[in-house]
Amino acid sequence: MISIFALIVITTATVEKFILEKKYEYLKGESSAMFYYNETKLKEMKYFLKMGKDLEEENKKLKEKLKKERKSPIFLN
């Protein structure tokens, strides 16, 4: 009777260890995938931020050019 109980305890512990190892491997893979996804999104965000700054700079230049053109004698007539 005692040996059957011990066998059940050892079997349960072994199955639990196996399940926890598989869960750990799965979560490690998911973590790596999420890290990669976040890194790619961060790179995209930096790219769009740079594009936005470039567009803002270009917009400023065009506004200044337009102001200068409006002050020119052509527009005063």
Protein backbone atom coordinates (compact mmCIF):
# COMPACT_ATOMS: atom_id res chain seq x y z
CA MET A 1 0.00 0.00 0.00
CA ILE A 2 2.80 2.42 0.91
CA SER A 3 4.69 1.62 -2.29
CA ILE A 4 1.60 2.36 -4.42
CA PHE A 5 1.16 5.69 -2.63
CA ALA A 6 4.84 6.53 -3.19
CA LEU A 7 4.54 5.57 -6.87
CA ILE A 8 1.51 7.88 -7.27
CA VAL A 9 3.35 10.77 -5.59
CA ILE A 10 6.46 10.31 -7.75
CA THR A 11 4.38 9.97 -10.93
CA THR A 12 2.41 13.11 -10.07
CA ALA A 13 5.62 15.07 -9.42
CA THR A 14 7.13 13.86 -12.71
CA VAL A 15 4.03 14.82 -14.72
CA GLU A 16 3.90 18.21 -12.99
CA LYS A 17 7.57 18.84 -13.80
CA PHE A 18 6.99 17.88 -17.45
CA ILE A 19 3.99 20.21 -17.73
CA LEU A 20 5.86 23.11 -16.09
CA GLU A 21 8.84 22.64 -18.45
CA LYS A 22 6.55 22.72 -21.49
CA LYS A 23 4.80 25.80 -20.12
CA TYR A 24 8.17 27.50 -19.56
CA GLU A 25 9.31 26.72 -23.13
CA TYR A 26 6.02 28.04 -24.54
CA LEU A 27 6.18 31.25 -22.51
CA LYS A 28 9.82 31.77 -23.42
CA GLY A 29 8.91 31.50 -27.12
CA GLU A 30 5.98 33.87 -26.71
CA SER A 31 8.19 36.33 -24.82
CA SER A 32 10.77 36.27 -27.61
CA ALA A 33 8.07 36.81 -30.22
CA MET A 34 6.61 39.75 -28.32
CA PHE A 35 10.06 41.26 -27.83
CA TYR A 36 10.73 41.02 -31.58
CA TYR A 37 7.30 42.50 -32.37
CA ASN A 38 7.88 45.40 -29.97
CA GLU A 39 11.32 46.08 -31.42
CA THR A 40 9.97 46.22 -34.98
CA LYS A 41 7.15 48.54 -33.91
CA LEU A 42 9.65 50.76 -32.09
CA LYS A 43 11.77 51.00 -35.25
CA GLU A 44 8.67 51.88 -37.28
CA MET A 45 7.70 54.52 -34.73
CA LYS A 46 11.16 56.09 -34.86
CA TYR A 47 11.02 56.12 -38.66
CA PHE A 48 7.63 57.86 -38.71
CA LEU A 49 8.79 60.31 -36.06
CA LYS A 50 11.78 61.22 -38.21
CA MET A 51 9.52 61.58 -41.25
CA GLY A 52 7.23 63.86 -39.24
CA LYS A 53 10.14 66.04 -38.18
CA ASP A 54 11.38 66.24 -41.77
CA LEU A 55 7.92 67.22 -42.96
CA GLU A 56 7.63 69.81 -40.21
CA GLU A 57 10.97 71.30 -41.24
CA GLU A 58 9.93 71.37 -44.90
CA ASN A 59 6.62 72.97 -43.93
CA LYS A 60 8.44 75.75 -42.03
CA LYS A 61 10.65 76.45 -45.03
CA LEU A 62 7.65 76.63 -47.36
CA LYS A 63 5.82 78.99 -44.98
CA GLU A 64 8.84 81.29 -44.80
CA LYS A 65 9.17 81.22 -48.58
CA LEU A 66 5.48 82.05 -48.95
CA LYS A 67 5.81 84.97 -46.50
CA LYS A 68 8.75 86.34 -48.48
CA GLU A 69 6.83 86.00 -51.74
CA ARG A 70 3.83 87.84 -50.28
CA LYS A 71 6.10 90.71 -49.24
CA SER A 72 7.63 90.98 -52.70
CA PRO A 73 6.59 93.88 -54.99
CA ILE A 74 4.61 91.52 -57.24
CA PHE A 75 1.94 91.05 -54.58
CA LEU A 76 1.88 94.71 -53.55
CA ASN A 77 0.37 95.89 -56.89
